[in-house]
Amino acid sequence: QVQLVASGGGLVQAGGSLRLSCTASERTFRMYTVGWFRQAPGKEREFVAQITWDGGYTFYLDAVKGRFTISRDNAKNTVYLQMNNLEPEDTANYLCAGRLPTRSYYDYWGQGTQVTVSS
């Protein structure tokens, strides 16, 4: 079973940047579509970004387009989320998840990493 570890969160001022990493325990991870999600206190979890197994296709939440970039390095079993021009509204626990391309739902979830953006 694939285990995902998210890291890179922290406290940053508005306008700052962070890069999140999602590292998998298994090489089969390179076959997976990977998504980043976030959940703020009192709110439902929401989709942030997604990348296909080869990095050929990415998709973003409208609110983060132009500020966030998802990428991957399959040699390192890692997917990144570069977050620039952060806003207080981006404050949340960020989780990564993986699924086989043939599935419509995510099978594997990491534990999340907290991002806090101060105004």
N, C-alpha and C. Protein backbone atom coordinates (compact mmCIF):
# COMPACT_ATOMS: atom_id res chain seq x y z
N GLN A 1 0.85 -1.19 0.00
CA GLN A 1 0.00 0.00 0.00
C GLN A 1 0.89 1.24 0.00
N VAL A 2 0.53 2.17 -0.86
CA VAL A 2 1.31 3.39 -0.98
C VAL A 2 1.06 4.30 0.21
N GLN A 3 2.13 4.81 0.79
CA GLN A 3 2.02 5.80 1.85
C GLN A 3 2.55 7.13 1.33
N LEU A 4 1.81 8.19 1.62
CA LEU A 4 2.16 9.52 1.13
C LEU A 4 2.51 10.41 2.32
N VAL A 5 3.58 11.15 2.19
CA VAL A 5 4.01 12.07 3.24
C VAL A 5 4.09 13.47 2.64
N ALA A 6 3.26 14.36 3.19
CA ALA A 6 3.26 15.75 2.75
C ALA A 6 4.13 16.57 3.69
N SER A 7 4.86 17.52 3.12
CA SER A 7 5.73 18.36 3.92
C SER A 7 5.88 19.71 3.25
N GLY A 8 6.49 20.66 3.97
CA GLY A 8 6.78 21.96 3.40
C GLY A 8 5.90 23.09 3.87
N GLY A 9 4.90 22.76 4.67
CA GLY A 9 4.03 23.82 5.16
C GLY A 9 4.72 24.70 6.18
N GLY A 10 4.03 25.77 6.57
CA GLY A 10 4.60 26.68 7.56
C GLY A 10 3.81 27.96 7.64
N LEU A 11 4.40 28.92 8.33
CA LEU A 11 3.79 30.24 8.51
C LEU A 11 4.50 31.23 7.58
N VAL A 12 3.71 31.96 6.81
CA VAL A 12 4.28 32.91 5.85
C VAL A 12 3.38 34.14 5.80
N GLN A 13 3.96 35.26 5.48
CA GLN A 13 3.18 36.48 5.33
C GLN A 13 2.50 36.51 3.97
N ALA A 14 1.42 37.25 3.89
CA ALA A 14 0.71 37.41 2.62
C ALA A 14 1.69 37.92 1.56
N GLY A 15 1.60 37.33 0.38
CA GLY A 15 2.52 37.67 -0.69
C GLY A 15 3.73 36.77 -0.76
N GLY A 16 3.93 35.97 0.26
CA GLY A 16 5.07 35.06 0.30
C GLY A 16 4.84 33.77 -0.47
N SER A 17 5.82 32.88 -0.38
CA SER A 17 5.79 31.62 -1.13
C SER A 17 6.14 30.44 -0.25
N LEU A 18 5.62 29.30 -0.62
CA LEU A 18 5.98 28.03 -0.01
C LEU A 18 5.97 26.96 -1.10
N ARG A 19 6.77 25.93 -0.91
CA ARG A 19 6.71 24.78 -1.80
C ARG A 19 6.40 23.54 -0.97
N LEU A 20 5.29 22.92 -1.27
CA LEU A 20 4.90 21.69 -0.62
C LEU A 20 5.43 20.50 -1.41
N SER A 21 5.73 19.42 -0.69
CA SER A 21 6.17 18.18 -1.31
C SER A 21 5.29 17.03 -0.85
N CYS A 22 5.05 16.11 -1.74
CA CYS A 22 4.31 14.89 -1.43
C CYS A 22 5.16 13.74 -1.91
N THR A 23 5.70 12.98 -0.97
CA THR A 23 6.62 11.90 -1.32
C THR A 23 5.98 10.56 -1.00
N ALA A 24 6.11 9.63 -1.94
CA ALA A 24 5.48 8.32 -1.80
C ALA A 24 6.49 7.26 -1.43
N SER A 25 5.97 6.21 -0.79
CA SER A 25 6.83 5.13 -0.32
C SER A 25 7.10 4.09 -1.40
N GLU A 26 6.29 4.11 -2.46
CA GLU A 26 6.39 3.10 -3.49
C GLU A 26 6.65 3.71 -4.86
N ARG A 27 7.41 3.00 -5.67
CA ARG A 27 7.71 3.51 -7.03
C ARG A 27 6.49 3.51 -7.92
N THR A 28 5.48 2.69 -7.56
CA THR A 28 4.26 2.67 -8.37
C THR A 28 3.57 4.03 -8.36
N PHE A 29 3.96 4.87 -7.43
CA PHE A 29 3.41 6.22 -7.35
C PHE A 29 3.56 6.97 -8.67
N ARG A 30 4.61 6.65 -9.41
CA ARG A 30 4.84 7.35 -10.67
C ARG A 30 3.77 7.06 -11.70
N MET A 31 2.95 6.06 -11.45
CA MET A 31 1.85 5.73 -12.36
C MET A 31 0.58 6.48 -11.99
N TYR A 32 0.58 7.15 -10.88
CA TYR A 32 -0.65 7.72 -10.33
C TYR A 32 -0.90 9.15 -10.77
N THR A 33 -2.16 9.46 -10.93
CA THR A 33 -2.59 10.86 -10.94
C THR A 33 -2.54 11.34 -9.48
N VAL A 34 -2.03 12.53 -9.28
CA VAL A 34 -1.86 13.04 -7.91
C VAL A 34 -2.57 14.38 -7.78
N GLY A 35 -3.24 14.52 -6.67
CA GLY A 35 -3.94 15.77 -6.41
C GLY A 35 -3.54 16.37 -5.08
N TRP A 36 -3.64 17.69 -5.01
CA TRP A 36 -3.52 18.41 -3.75
C TRP A 36 -4.91 18.93 -3.38
N PHE A 37 -5.22 18.79 -2.11
CA PHE A 37 -6.48 19.28 -1.56
C PHE A 37 -6.16 20.12 -0.32
N ARG A 38 -7.14 20.89 0.13
CA ARG A 38 -6.94 21.64 1.36
C ARG A 38 -8.22 21.70 2.16
N GLN A 39 -8.06 21.84 3.46
CA GLN A 39 -9.22 21.95 4.33
C GLN A 39 -8.92 22.96 5.42
N ALA A 40 -9.73 23.98 5.46
CA ALA A 40 -9.62 25.00 6.49
C ALA A 40 -10.59 24.67 7.62
N PRO A 41 -10.31 25.16 8.83
CA PRO A 41 -11.20 24.86 9.96
C PRO A 41 -12.64 25.28 9.67
N GLY A 42 -13.57 24.36 9.92
CA GLY A 42 -14.97 24.66 9.72
C GLY A 42 -15.44 24.63 8.28
N LYS A 43 -14.54 24.26 7.37
CA LYS A 43 -14.89 24.21 5.96
C LYS A 43 -14.69 22.81 5.41
N GLU A 44 -15.33 22.56 4.29
CA GLU A 44 -15.16 21.26 3.65
C GLU A 44 -13.83 21.22 2.89
N ARG A 45 -13.35 20.02 2.71
CA ARG A 45 -12.13 19.84 1.93
C ARG A 45 -12.41 20.25 0.49
N GLU A 46 -11.43 20.94 -0.12
CA GLU A 46 -11.61 21.35 -1.51
C GLU A 46 -10.39 20.98 -2.33
N PHE A 47 -10.66 20.71 -3.59
CA PHE A 47 -9.62 20.38 -4.55
C PHE A 47 -8.81 21.63 -4.85
N VAL A 48 -7.48 21.45 -5.00
CA VAL A 48 -6.61 22.57 -5.32
C VAL A 48 -5.95 22.39 -6.68
N ALA A 49 -5.34 21.23 -6.91
CA ALA A 49 -4.61 21.02 -8.17
C ALA A 49 -4.43 19.53 -8.40
N GLN A 50 -4.19 19.19 -9.66
CA GLN A 50 -4.03 17.79 -10.04
C GLN A 50 -3.01 17.69 -11.16
N ILE A 51 -2.28 16.56 -11.19
CA ILE A 51 -1.30 16.34 -12.25
C ILE A 51 -1.37 14.87 -12.65
N THR A 52 -1.28 14.61 -13.96
CA THR A 52 -1.30 13.24 -14.44
C THR A 52 0.05 12.57 -14.22
N TRP A 53 0.10 11.26 -14.46
CA TRP A 53 1.29 10.50 -14.10
C TRP A 53 2.55 11.00 -14.80
N ASP A 54 2.40 11.52 -16.01
CA ASP A 54 3.57 11.95 -16.76
C ASP A 54 3.76 13.47 -16.70
N GLY A 55 2.92 14.13 -15.94
CA GLY A 55 3.03 15.58 -15.86
C GLY A 55 2.49 16.31 -17.05
N GLY A 56 1.86 15.55 -17.96
CA GLY A 56 1.43 16.15 -19.20
C GLY A 56 0.17 16.98 -19.11
N TYR A 57 -0.57 16.81 -18.04
CA TYR A 57 -1.81 17.54 -17.90
C TYR A 57 -1.97 17.97 -16.45
N THR A 58 -2.28 19.24 -16.26
CA THR A 58 -2.51 19.77 -14.92
C THR A 58 -3.84 20.50 -14.89
N PHE A 59 -4.41 20.59 -13.71
CA PHE A 59 -5.70 21.24 -13.55
C PHE A 59 -5.71 21.92 -12.19
N TYR A 60 -6.33 23.13 -12.14
CA TYR A 60 -6.27 23.94 -10.91
C TYR A 60 -7.63 24.48 -10.51
N LEU A 61 -7.78 24.67 -9.23
CA LEU A 61 -8.89 25.45 -8.69
C LEU A 61 -8.75 26.88 -9.24
N ASP A 62 -9.85 27.48 -9.64
CA ASP A 62 -9.78 28.83 -10.22
C ASP A 62 -9.08 29.82 -9.30
N ALA A 63 -9.31 29.68 -8.01
CA ALA A 63 -8.78 30.65 -7.05
C ALA A 63 -7.26 30.63 -6.95
N VAL A 64 -6.63 29.56 -7.44
CA VAL A 64 -5.16 29.47 -7.32
C VAL A 64 -4.45 29.56 -8.67
N LYS A 65 -5.21 29.60 -9.75
CA LYS A 65 -4.60 29.69 -11.08
C LYS A 65 -3.72 30.92 -11.18
N GLY A 66 -2.53 30.70 -11.74
CA GLY A 66 -1.59 31.80 -11.88
C GLY A 66 -0.72 32.03 -10.65
N ARG A 67 -1.09 31.41 -9.53
CA ARG A 67 -0.30 31.55 -8.30
C ARG A 67 0.35 30.24 -7.88
N PHE A 68 -0.35 29.13 -8.09
CA PHE A 68 0.15 27.81 -7.71
C PHE A 68 0.56 27.02 -8.95
N THR A 69 1.59 26.20 -8.79
CA THR A 69 2.04 25.32 -9.87
C THR A 69 2.31 23.93 -9.31
N ILE A 70 1.67 22.93 -9.90
CA ILE A 70 1.90 21.55 -9.51
C ILE A 70 2.88 20.93 -10.50
N SER A 71 3.80 20.13 -9.99
CA SER A 71 4.79 19.46 -10.84
C SER A 71 5.19 18.16 -10.15
N ARG A 72 5.96 17.36 -10.86
CA ARG A 72 6.38 16.10 -10.26
C ARG A 72 7.75 15.70 -10.76
N ASP A 73 8.44 14.91 -9.92
CA ASP A 73 9.71 14.29 -10.27
C ASP A 73 9.55 12.81 -9.97
N ASN A 74 9.24 12.04 -10.98
CA ASN A 74 8.97 10.62 -10.75
C ASN A 74 10.20 9.85 -10.31
N ALA A 75 11.37 10.33 -10.64
CA ALA A 75 12.59 9.67 -10.17
C ALA A 75 12.71 9.75 -8.65
N LYS A 76 12.07 10.77 -8.07
CA LYS A 76 12.09 10.96 -6.61
C LYS A 76 10.78 10.59 -5.96
N ASN A 77 9.84 10.05 -6.75
CA ASN A 77 8.53 9.70 -6.21
C ASN A 77 7.88 10.88 -5.48
N THR A 78 8.02 12.05 -6.05
CA THR A 78 7.58 13.26 -5.36
C THR A 78 6.79 14.17 -6.30
N VAL A 79 5.73 14.73 -5.74
CA VAL A 79 4.94 15.75 -6.41
C VAL A 79 5.05 17.03 -5.59
N TYR A 80 5.17 18.15 -6.29
CA TYR A 80 5.35 19.44 -5.62
C TYR A 80 4.16 20.36 -5.87
N LEU A 81 3.97 21.26 -4.95
CA LEU A 81 3.00 22.34 -5.16
C LEU A 81 3.71 23.64 -4.79
N GLN A 82 4.10 24.38 -5.81
CA GLN A 82 4.72 25.68 -5.60
C GLN A 82 3.62 26.71 -5.44
N MET A 83 3.63 27.41 -4.32
CA MET A 83 2.57 28.37 -4.01
C MET A 83 3.20 29.75 -3.88
N ASN A 84 2.84 30.63 -4.78
CA ASN A 84 3.35 32.00 -4.78
C ASN A 84 2.23 32.99 -4.49
N ASN A 85 2.63 34.19 -4.08
CA ASN A 85 1.66 35.25 -3.81
C ASN A 85 0.53 34.74 -2.91
N LEU A 86 0.91 34.13 -1.83
CA LEU A 86 -0.06 33.52 -0.92
C LEU A 86 -0.96 34.57 -0.28
N GLU A 87 -2.19 34.17 -0.04
CA GLU A 87 -3.20 35.03 0.55
C GLU A 87 -3.70 34.40 1.85
N PRO A 88 -4.20 35.21 2.78
CA PRO A 88 -4.74 34.63 4.03
C PRO A 88 -5.80 33.56 3.77
N GLU A 89 -6.53 33.71 2.68
CA GLU A 89 -7.57 32.72 2.34
C GLU A 89 -6.99 31.36 1.96
N ASP A 90 -5.69 31.29 1.73
CA ASP A 90 -5.04 30.02 1.42
C ASP A 90 -4.70 29.23 2.67
N THR A 91 -4.91 29.81 3.84
CA THR A 91 -4.62 29.11 5.09
C THR A 91 -5.48 27.86 5.21
N ALA A 92 -4.82 26.72 5.40
CA ALA A 92 -5.52 25.43 5.47
C ALA A 92 -4.51 24.33 5.73
N ASN A 93 -5.04 23.15 6.00
CA ASN A 93 -4.22 21.94 6.01
C ASN A 93 -4.23 21.38 4.59
N TYR A 94 -3.07 21.22 4.01
CA TYR A 94 -2.95 20.76 2.63
C TYR A 94 -2.61 19.27 2.62
N LEU A 95 -3.39 18.53 1.86
CA LEU A 95 -3.21 17.08 1.76
C LEU A 95 -2.95 16.69 0.31
N CYS A 96 -2.13 15.67 0.14
CA CYS A 96 -1.96 15.12 -1.20
C CYS A 96 -2.62 13.75 -1.26
N ALA A 97 -2.99 13.36 -2.45
CA ALA A 97 -3.67 12.09 -2.65
C ALA A 97 -3.30 11.53 -4.01
N GLY A 98 -3.35 10.21 -4.12
CA GLY A 98 -3.01 9.57 -5.37
C GLY A 98 -4.08 8.57 -5.80
N ARG A 99 -4.19 8.42 -7.11
CA ARG A 99 -5.13 7.43 -7.65
C ARG A 99 -4.59 6.92 -8.97
N LEU A 100 -4.99 5.71 -9.33
CA LEU A 100 -4.68 5.20 -10.65
C LEU A 100 -5.49 6.00 -11.68
N PRO A 101 -4.95 6.21 -12.86
CA PRO A 101 -5.66 7.00 -13.87
C PRO A 101 -7.03 6.45 -14.23
N THR A 102 -7.22 5.14 -14.04
CA THR A 102 -8.50 4.53 -14.39
C THR A 102 -9.57 4.75 -13.33
N ARG A 103 -9.19 5.24 -12.19
CA ARG A 103 -10.17 5.44 -11.10
C ARG A 103 -10.68 6.88 -11.10
N SER A 104 -11.90 7.04 -10.59
CA SER A 104 -12.47 8.38 -10.50
C SER A 104 -12.34 8.94 -9.09
N TYR A 105 -11.81 8.17 -8.16
CA TYR A 105 -11.66 8.63 -6.79
C TYR A 105 -10.24 8.36 -6.33
N TYR A 106 -9.82 9.10 -5.32
CA TYR A 106 -8.46 8.96 -4.81
C TYR A 106 -8.38 7.83 -3.79
N ASP A 107 -7.39 6.93 -4.00
CA ASP A 107 -7.21 5.78 -3.13
C ASP A 107 -6.38 6.09 -1.90
N TYR A 108 -5.33 6.88 -2.09
CA TYR A 108 -4.33 7.05 -1.06
C TYR A 108 -4.21 8.52 -0.67
N TRP A 109 -4.14 8.73 0.65
CA TRP A 109 -4.09 10.09 1.18
C TRP A 109 -2.93 10.24 2.15
N GLY A 110 -2.28 11.38 2.06
CA GLY A 110 -1.25 11.71 3.03
C GLY A 110 -1.87 12.37 4.25
N GLN A 111 -1.03 12.70 5.23
CA GLN A 111 -1.54 13.21 6.50
C GLN A 111 -1.75 14.71 6.49
N GLY A 112 -1.22 15.39 5.51
CA GLY A 112 -1.40 16.83 5.43
C GLY A 112 -0.27 17.62 6.05
N THR A 113 -0.15 18.85 5.57
CA THR A 113 0.82 19.79 6.12
C THR A 113 0.13 21.15 6.24
N GLN A 114 0.33 21.83 7.36
CA GLN A 114 -0.40 23.06 7.64
C GLN A 114 0.27 24.27 6.98
N VAL A 115 -0.54 25.05 6.31
CA VAL A 115 -0.09 26.32 5.72
C VAL A 115 -0.89 27.44 6.37
N THR A 116 -0.17 28.40 6.94
CA THR A 116 -0.81 29.54 7.57
C THR A 116 -0.25 30.82 6.96
N VAL A 117 -1.15 31.64 6.44
CA VAL A 117 -0.75 32.88 5.78
C VAL A 117 -1.28 34.05 6.62
N SER A 118 -0.37 34.87 7.10
CA SER A 118 -0.78 36.01 7.92
C SER A 118 -0.93 37.25 7.05
N SER A 119 -1.84 38.11 7.46
CA SER A 119 -2.11 39.33 6.68
C SER A 119 -1.23 40.49 7.12
